[in-house]
Amino acid sequence: ELNDQYTGVRQQLHSAEVEKAKTGNAREIIETMLKEDAQLHTYRAVGKCFILSDSSELTSDMAEAEKHLTDSVIPQLKKSEEMVSKRCKNAQGELDDMVKHLRKAPTAAA
């Protein structure tokens, strides 16, 4: 169960880091394109459609999303990963101690 929790937290952390990278790359590309063409049309995905939106608003929203991932989501997931990892190590240590004591215990003769 702890291993499943650890794997889940690792997957969430990886997904958040990938999302941060995607958002940062997309923002940089849009900003570069805006330097070349000030009349650039940008669209925001809303459900199954795309709506024309202001480029500066879109890039600032992307920067905020990236900052949110960097400042709160990723650090929180890293803390969770550390806590679950410690719990896994403690549980493994307890199991090792139990096995060691069981092996040392004399078997009762019938």
N, C-alpha and C. Protein backbone atom coordinates (compact mmCIF):
# COMPACT_ATOMS: atom_id res chain seq x y z
N GLU A 1 0.81 -1.19 0.00
CA GLU A 1 0.00 0.00 0.00
C GLU A 1 0.87 1.26 0.00
N LEU A 2 1.91 1.29 0.82
CA LEU A 2 2.81 2.45 0.84
C LEU A 2 3.52 2.61 -0.49
N ASN A 3 3.90 1.48 -1.09
CA ASN A 3 4.55 1.56 -2.40
C ASN A 3 3.61 2.15 -3.44
N ASP A 4 2.33 1.81 -3.36
CA ASP A 4 1.34 2.38 -4.28
C ASP A 4 1.20 3.89 -4.05
N GLN A 5 1.19 4.30 -2.79
CA GLN A 5 1.12 5.73 -2.47
C GLN A 5 2.34 6.46 -3.01
N TYR A 6 3.51 5.85 -2.80
CA TYR A 6 4.76 6.46 -3.27
C TYR A 6 4.74 6.59 -4.79
N THR A 7 4.31 5.54 -5.47
CA THR A 7 4.24 5.58 -6.93
C THR A 7 3.26 6.65 -7.39
N GLY A 8 2.13 6.76 -6.71
CA GLY A 8 1.14 7.77 -7.07
C GLY A 8 1.67 9.18 -6.91
N VAL A 9 2.36 9.43 -5.80
CA VAL A 9 2.93 10.76 -5.56
C VAL A 9 4.00 11.07 -6.60
N ARG A 10 4.83 10.08 -6.92
CA ARG A 10 5.87 10.28 -7.94
C ARG A 10 5.25 10.61 -9.29
N GLN A 11 4.15 9.94 -9.64
CA GLN A 11 3.47 10.21 -10.91
C GLN A 11 2.88 11.62 -10.92
N GLN A 12 2.28 12.02 -9.80
CA GLN A 12 1.72 13.37 -9.72
C GLN A 12 2.82 14.42 -9.84
N LEU A 13 3.95 14.17 -9.18
CA LEU A 13 5.07 15.09 -9.24
C LEU A 13 5.59 15.20 -10.67
N HIS A 14 5.74 14.07 -11.32
CA HIS A 14 6.22 14.07 -12.71
C HIS A 14 5.23 14.82 -13.61
N SER A 15 3.95 14.59 -13.43
CA SER A 15 2.93 15.27 -14.24
C SER A 15 2.98 16.79 -14.02
N ALA A 16 3.15 17.21 -12.77
CA ALA A 16 3.23 18.64 -12.48
C ALA A 16 4.47 19.26 -13.11
N GLU A 17 5.60 18.56 -13.07
CA GLU A 17 6.82 19.07 -13.68
C GLU A 17 6.69 19.15 -15.20
N VAL A 18 6.04 18.16 -15.80
CA VAL A 18 5.81 18.18 -17.25
C VAL A 18 4.88 19.33 -17.61
N GLU A 19 3.82 19.52 -16.84
CA GLU A 19 2.87 20.61 -17.09
C GLU A 19 3.56 21.96 -16.98
N LYS A 20 4.44 22.11 -15.98
CA LYS A 20 5.19 23.35 -15.82
C LYS A 20 6.08 23.61 -17.03
N ALA A 21 6.75 22.58 -17.51
CA ALA A 21 7.63 22.72 -18.67
C ALA A 21 6.82 23.08 -19.92
N LYS A 22 5.69 22.41 -20.12
CA LYS A 22 4.84 22.70 -21.28
C LYS A 22 4.35 24.15 -21.25
N THR A 23 3.88 24.56 -20.08
CA THR A 23 3.35 25.92 -19.94
C THR A 23 4.45 26.95 -20.19
N GLY A 24 5.62 26.71 -19.62
CA GLY A 24 6.74 27.63 -19.82
C GLY A 24 7.17 27.71 -21.27
N ASN A 25 7.26 26.56 -21.93
CA ASN A 25 7.65 26.55 -23.35
C ASN A 25 6.62 27.25 -24.21
N ALA A 26 5.35 26.98 -23.98
CA ALA A 26 4.29 27.62 -24.77
C ALA A 26 4.30 29.13 -24.56
N ARG A 27 4.47 29.56 -23.31
CA ARG A 27 4.52 31.00 -23.02
C ARG A 27 5.69 31.66 -23.73
N GLU A 28 6.85 31.03 -23.69
CA GLU A 28 8.03 31.59 -24.36
C GLU A 28 7.82 31.67 -25.87
N ILE A 29 7.21 30.66 -26.45
CA ILE A 29 6.96 30.67 -27.90
C ILE A 29 6.00 31.80 -28.26
N ILE A 30 4.94 31.96 -27.48
CA ILE A 30 3.98 33.03 -27.76
C ILE A 30 4.64 34.39 -27.62
N GLU A 31 5.45 34.57 -26.57
CA GLU A 31 6.14 35.85 -26.38
C GLU A 31 7.09 36.14 -27.53
N THR A 32 7.79 35.12 -28.01
CA THR A 32 8.70 35.30 -29.15
C THR A 32 7.92 35.67 -30.41
N MET A 33 6.80 35.00 -30.63
CA MET A 33 5.98 35.30 -31.80
C MET A 33 5.36 36.69 -31.71
N LEU A 34 5.03 37.14 -30.51
CA LEU A 34 4.48 38.48 -30.33
C LEU A 34 5.51 39.56 -30.66
N LYS A 35 6.78 39.28 -30.41
CA LYS A 35 7.83 40.23 -30.76
C LYS A 35 7.92 40.40 -32.27
N GLU A 36 7.67 39.31 -32.99
CA GLU A 36 7.74 39.34 -34.45
C GLU A 36 6.47 39.93 -35.07
N ASP A 37 5.32 39.67 -34.45
CA ASP A 37 4.04 40.11 -35.00
C ASP A 37 3.14 40.57 -33.87
N ALA A 38 3.02 41.90 -33.72
CA ALA A 38 2.22 42.45 -32.62
C ALA A 38 0.74 42.18 -32.80
N GLN A 39 0.30 41.87 -34.01
CA GLN A 39 -1.11 41.60 -34.29
C GLN A 39 -1.44 40.12 -34.21
N LEU A 40 -0.61 39.35 -33.56
CA LEU A 40 -0.79 37.91 -33.47
C LEU A 40 -2.11 37.57 -32.78
N HIS A 41 -2.87 36.68 -33.38
CA HIS A 41 -4.12 36.21 -32.79
C HIS A 41 -3.82 34.98 -31.94
N THR A 42 -4.25 35.02 -30.70
CA THR A 42 -4.08 33.86 -29.83
C THR A 42 -5.45 33.38 -29.37
N TYR A 43 -5.54 32.08 -29.17
CA TYR A 43 -6.80 31.46 -28.79
C TYR A 43 -6.62 30.65 -27.52
N ARG A 44 -7.65 30.68 -26.70
CA ARG A 44 -7.65 29.95 -25.43
C ARG A 44 -8.59 28.76 -25.58
N ALA A 45 -8.14 27.59 -25.15
CA ALA A 45 -8.98 26.40 -25.20
C ALA A 45 -10.02 26.47 -24.08
N VAL A 46 -11.28 26.33 -24.46
CA VAL A 46 -12.38 26.32 -23.50
C VAL A 46 -13.26 25.13 -23.85
N GLY A 47 -13.13 24.07 -23.07
CA GLY A 47 -13.88 22.86 -23.38
C GLY A 47 -13.43 22.28 -24.70
N LYS A 48 -14.37 22.17 -25.64
CA LYS A 48 -14.05 21.60 -26.95
C LYS A 48 -13.88 22.68 -28.01
N CYS A 49 -13.82 23.93 -27.61
CA CYS A 49 -13.66 25.00 -28.60
C CYS A 49 -12.52 25.93 -28.20
N PHE A 50 -12.20 26.83 -29.11
CA PHE A 50 -11.15 27.81 -28.87
C PHE A 50 -11.75 29.20 -29.01
N ILE A 51 -11.39 30.09 -28.09
CA ILE A 51 -11.92 31.44 -28.09
C ILE A 51 -10.76 32.42 -28.24
N LEU A 52 -10.93 33.39 -29.14
CA LEU A 52 -9.93 34.42 -29.34
C LEU A 52 -9.71 35.17 -28.04
N SER A 53 -8.45 35.33 -27.64
CA SER A 53 -8.17 36.03 -26.39
C SER A 53 -6.99 36.97 -26.57
N ASP A 54 -6.89 37.91 -25.66
CA ASP A 54 -5.80 38.88 -25.69
C ASP A 54 -4.48 38.16 -25.40
N SER A 55 -3.48 38.43 -26.23
CA SER A 55 -2.19 37.73 -26.10
C SER A 55 -1.51 38.01 -24.77
N SER A 56 -1.55 39.26 -24.34
CA SER A 56 -0.88 39.59 -23.07
C SER A 56 -1.59 38.93 -21.90
N GLU A 57 -2.92 38.86 -21.97
CA GLU A 57 -3.68 38.19 -20.91
C GLU A 57 -3.35 36.70 -20.88
N LEU A 58 -3.26 36.11 -22.06
CA LEU A 58 -2.95 34.68 -22.15
C LEU A 58 -1.56 34.38 -21.58
N THR A 59 -0.56 35.18 -21.97
CA THR A 59 0.79 34.93 -21.46
C THR A 59 0.89 35.19 -19.96
N SER A 60 0.17 36.20 -19.46
CA SER A 60 0.22 36.44 -18.01
C SER A 60 -0.47 35.31 -17.25
N ASP A 61 -1.57 34.78 -17.79
CA ASP A 61 -2.22 33.63 -17.16
C ASP A 61 -1.30 32.41 -17.16
N MET A 62 -0.58 32.22 -18.25
CA MET A 62 0.35 31.09 -18.33
C MET A 62 1.48 31.28 -17.32
N ALA A 63 1.97 32.51 -17.19
CA ALA A 63 3.04 32.78 -16.22
C ALA A 63 2.55 32.52 -14.79
N GLU A 64 1.29 32.90 -14.51
CA GLU A 64 0.72 32.65 -13.18
C GLU A 64 0.59 31.15 -12.92
N ALA A 65 0.14 30.42 -13.93
CA ALA A 65 -0.01 28.97 -13.77
C ALA A 65 1.35 28.32 -13.52
N GLU A 66 2.36 28.78 -14.25
CA GLU A 66 3.72 28.25 -14.07
C GLU A 66 4.24 28.58 -12.67
N LYS A 67 3.99 29.81 -12.22
CA LYS A 67 4.42 30.22 -10.88
C LYS A 67 3.70 29.41 -9.81
N HIS A 68 2.41 29.16 -9.99
CA HIS A 68 1.65 28.36 -9.03
C HIS A 68 2.23 26.95 -8.93
N LEU A 69 2.56 26.36 -10.08
CA LEU A 69 3.15 25.02 -10.07
C LEU A 69 4.50 25.04 -9.36
N THR A 70 5.31 26.06 -9.67
CA THR A 70 6.65 26.15 -9.10
C THR A 70 6.63 26.45 -7.60
N ASP A 71 5.76 27.36 -7.19
CA ASP A 71 5.77 27.82 -5.80
C ASP A 71 4.98 26.96 -4.83
N SER A 72 3.92 26.31 -5.30
CA SER A 72 3.10 25.58 -4.32
C SER A 72 2.89 24.11 -4.66
N VAL A 73 2.52 23.80 -5.88
CA VAL A 73 2.16 22.41 -6.20
C VAL A 73 3.37 21.49 -6.13
N ILE A 74 4.44 21.83 -6.83
CA ILE A 74 5.61 20.96 -6.89
C ILE A 74 6.27 20.81 -5.51
N PRO A 75 6.49 21.90 -4.75
CA PRO A 75 7.07 21.71 -3.41
C PRO A 75 6.19 20.85 -2.49
N GLN A 76 4.88 21.02 -2.58
CA GLN A 76 3.97 20.21 -1.76
C GLN A 76 4.08 18.74 -2.14
N LEU A 77 4.16 18.45 -3.43
CA LEU A 77 4.30 17.06 -3.87
C LEU A 77 5.65 16.49 -3.45
N LYS A 78 6.69 17.31 -3.47
CA LYS A 78 8.00 16.83 -3.03
C LYS A 78 7.99 16.50 -1.54
N LYS A 79 7.29 17.32 -0.74
CA LYS A 79 7.16 17.01 0.69
C LYS A 79 6.42 15.71 0.89
N SER A 80 5.34 15.54 0.13
CA SER A 80 4.56 14.30 0.23
C SER A 80 5.41 13.10 -0.15
N GLU A 81 6.22 13.28 -1.20
CA GLU A 81 7.10 12.19 -1.64
C GLU A 81 8.08 11.82 -0.54
N GLU A 82 8.66 12.82 0.11
CA GLU A 82 9.61 12.56 1.19
C GLU A 82 8.94 11.85 2.36
N MET A 83 7.73 12.30 2.72
CA MET A 83 7.03 11.68 3.85
C MET A 83 6.69 10.23 3.55
N VAL A 84 6.18 9.96 2.36
CA VAL A 84 5.82 8.58 2.01
C VAL A 84 7.07 7.73 1.91
N SER A 85 8.16 8.30 1.40
CA SER A 85 9.42 7.57 1.31
C SER A 85 9.92 7.19 2.71
N LYS A 86 9.84 8.13 3.65
CA LYS A 86 10.26 7.83 5.03
C LYS A 86 9.39 6.74 5.64
N ARG A 87 8.08 6.84 5.39
CA ARG A 87 7.17 5.82 5.91
C ARG A 87 7.51 4.45 5.33
N CYS A 88 7.85 4.42 4.04
CA CYS A 88 8.22 3.14 3.40
C CYS A 88 9.49 2.58 4.04
N LYS A 89 10.48 3.45 4.26
CA LYS A 89 11.73 3.00 4.87
C LYS A 89 11.50 2.51 6.30
N ASN A 90 10.67 3.23 7.06
CA ASN A 90 10.37 2.80 8.43
C ASN A 90 9.65 1.46 8.44
N ALA A 91 8.69 1.30 7.56
CA ALA A 91 7.95 0.03 7.49
C ALA A 91 8.88 -1.10 7.09
N GLN A 92 9.79 -0.83 6.14
CA GLN A 92 10.74 -1.86 5.72
C GLN A 92 11.67 -2.22 6.88
N GLY A 93 12.11 -1.21 7.63
CA GLY A 93 12.96 -1.47 8.79
C GLY A 93 12.26 -2.30 9.85
N GLU A 94 10.99 -1.99 10.09
CA GLU A 94 10.22 -2.77 11.07
C GLU A 94 10.06 -4.21 10.61
N LEU A 95 9.78 -4.40 9.33
CA LEU A 95 9.66 -5.76 8.80
C LEU A 95 10.98 -6.52 8.92
N ASP A 96 12.08 -5.85 8.61
CA ASP A 96 13.39 -6.49 8.73
C ASP A 96 13.66 -6.90 10.18
N ASP A 97 13.33 -6.01 11.13
CA ASP A 97 13.51 -6.34 12.55
C ASP A 97 12.65 -7.53 12.96
N MET A 98 11.41 -7.56 12.50
CA MET A 98 10.53 -8.68 12.83
C MET A 98 11.08 -9.99 12.28
N VAL A 99 11.56 -9.97 11.05
CA VAL A 99 12.12 -11.18 10.44
C VAL A 99 13.37 -11.61 11.19
N LYS A 100 14.21 -10.64 11.57
CA LYS A 100 15.44 -10.95 12.30
C LYS A 100 15.11 -11.60 13.64
N HIS A 101 14.13 -11.06 14.36
CA HIS A 101 13.75 -11.63 15.65
C HIS A 101 13.12 -13.01 15.49
N LEU A 102 12.35 -13.19 14.45
CA LEU A 102 11.74 -14.50 14.21
C LEU A 102 12.80 -15.56 13.91
N ARG A 103 13.83 -15.17 13.18
CA ARG A 103 14.90 -16.12 12.85
C ARG A 103 15.73 -16.46 14.07
N LYS A 104 15.91 -15.49 14.98
CA LYS A 104 16.71 -15.72 16.18
C LYS A 104 15.95 -16.51 17.24
N ALA A 105 14.64 -16.43 17.23
CA ALA A 105 13.84 -17.09 18.26
C ALA A 105 14.00 -18.60 18.15
N PRO A 106 14.25 -19.24 19.31
CA PRO A 106 14.39 -20.71 19.26
C PRO A 106 13.04 -21.35 18.95
N THR A 107 13.11 -22.38 18.17
CA THR A 107 11.87 -23.09 17.84
C THR A 107 11.52 -24.00 19.00
N ALA A 108 10.29 -24.05 19.35
CA ALA A 108 9.83 -24.89 20.47
C ALA A 108 9.75 -26.33 20.02
N ALA A 109 10.33 -27.21 20.83
CA ALA A 109 10.28 -28.65 20.50
C ALA A 109 8.94 -29.19 20.96
N ALA A 110 8.36 -29.98 20.14
CA ALA A 110 7.04 -30.53 20.49
C ALA A 110 7.16 -31.80 21.29
